[in-house]
Amino acid sequence: MKKQFSERNLYVADFETVVDEDPTQQTETEVWSASICPVIKRPEPNDVTVYNNIFEFINHLEYNIEDDSIVFFHNEKFDISFLLNELNKDL
């Protein structure tokens, strides 16, 4: 039996990336901060988990988030591109 959307484990996540002083000259960037928080009715400050690199964030997803969870990203296309780049390095 499928879980209803409201019964799933829901999370929100966001990445912060390095931006050069002159972004028009920037050729690459990296994630310097990654955060994830469960979607709950009464969140507390300690519900947010923050990492200082994308590797720890990926480990968090792999070992601490249930398989049937949904993670919403603040800027999905941009943030997911960093995840895909990191995951493709292992192939």
Protein backbone atom coordinates (compact mmCIF):
# COMPACT_ATOMS: atom_id res chain seq x y z
CA MET A 1 0.00 0.00 0.00
CA LYS A 2 1.41 3.39 -1.02
CA LYS A 3 1.87 6.02 1.63
CA GLN A 4 -0.17 9.15 1.23
CA PHE A 5 1.79 12.30 0.46
CA SER A 6 1.11 13.77 3.91
CA GLU A 7 2.40 10.60 5.62
CA ARG A 8 5.75 10.56 3.85
CA ASN A 9 8.99 11.76 5.33
CA LEU A 10 9.33 15.24 3.86
CA TYR A 11 12.45 17.42 3.98
CA VAL A 12 13.61 20.76 2.63
CA ALA A 13 17.22 21.34 1.64
CA ASP A 14 19.40 24.14 0.31
CA PHE A 15 22.99 24.67 -0.83
CA GLU A 16 25.09 27.80 -0.58
CA THR A 17 27.85 28.13 -3.14
CA VAL A 18 31.00 30.18 -3.59
CA VAL A 19 30.57 33.31 -5.71
CA ASP A 20 33.57 35.31 -6.93
CA GLU A 21 33.70 39.06 -6.45
CA ASP A 22 33.28 39.36 -10.22
CA PRO A 23 30.77 36.63 -11.15
CA THR A 24 31.22 37.35 -14.85
CA GLN A 25 34.77 35.97 -14.57
CA GLN A 26 33.80 32.91 -12.48
CA THR A 27 34.59 29.58 -14.16
CA GLU A 28 33.64 27.16 -11.40
CA THR A 29 31.98 27.04 -8.00
CA GLU A 30 31.51 24.67 -5.09
CA VAL A 31 29.08 24.03 -2.26
CA TRP A 32 30.36 25.52 0.98
CA SER A 33 27.20 24.94 3.02
CA ALA A 34 24.40 22.40 2.76
CA SER A 35 21.37 22.17 5.02
CA ILE A 36 18.41 19.85 5.43
CA CYS A 37 15.38 20.05 7.70
CA PRO A 38 12.32 17.85 8.15
CA VAL A 39 8.98 19.38 7.27
CA ILE A 40 7.13 19.32 10.56
CA LYS A 41 4.40 21.42 12.16
CA ARG A 42 6.50 22.95 14.92
CA PRO A 43 10.17 23.02 13.90
CA GLU A 44 12.87 23.86 16.40
CA PRO A 45 16.30 25.36 15.54
CA ASN A 46 17.96 22.00 16.25
CA ASP A 47 15.85 20.33 13.55
CA VAL A 48 18.06 21.89 10.88
CA THR A 49 21.21 19.96 10.02
CA VAL A 50 24.00 21.98 8.39
CA TYR A 51 27.13 20.65 6.71
CA ASN A 52 30.17 22.52 5.45
CA ASN A 53 30.58 20.40 2.33
CA ILE A 54 28.53 18.38 -0.09
CA PHE A 55 30.17 15.05 0.84
CA GLU A 56 28.76 15.08 4.39
CA PHE A 57 25.36 16.09 3.01
CA ILE A 58 25.35 13.12 0.62
CA ASN A 59 26.34 10.80 3.48
CA HIS A 60 23.46 12.21 5.52
CA LEU A 61 21.04 11.44 2.69
CA GLU A 62 22.40 7.94 2.30
CA TYR A 63 22.46 6.93 5.97
CA ASN A 64 19.86 9.08 7.74
CA ILE A 65 17.01 9.64 5.30
CA GLU A 66 14.48 6.87 4.66
CA ASP A 67 14.24 5.47 1.11
CA ASP A 68 10.66 6.64 0.58
CA SER A 69 11.39 10.23 1.63
CA ILE A 70 10.96 13.31 -0.50
CA VAL A 71 13.53 16.11 -0.34
CA PHE A 72 12.52 19.50 -1.75
CA PHE A 73 15.33 21.88 -2.73
CA HIS A 74 15.09 25.66 -2.60
CA ASN A 75 16.61 25.97 -6.09
CA GLU A 76 16.16 22.46 -7.39
CA LYS A 77 17.79 22.64 -10.82
CA PHE A 78 20.87 24.45 -9.51
CA ASP A 79 21.30 22.40 -6.32
CA ILE A 80 20.64 19.01 -7.93
CA SER A 81 23.35 19.74 -10.52
CA PHE A 82 25.91 19.74 -7.69
CA LEU A 83 24.60 16.44 -6.32
CA LEU A 84 24.71 14.82 -9.76
CA ASN A 85 28.26 16.05 -10.37
CA GLU A 86 29.45 14.55 -7.10
CA LEU A 87 27.62 11.27 -7.63
CA ASN A 88 28.96 10.95 -11.18
CA LYS A 89 32.56 11.27 -9.92
CA ASP A 90 32.19 7.83 -8.32
CA LEU A 91 31.16 6.12 -11.58
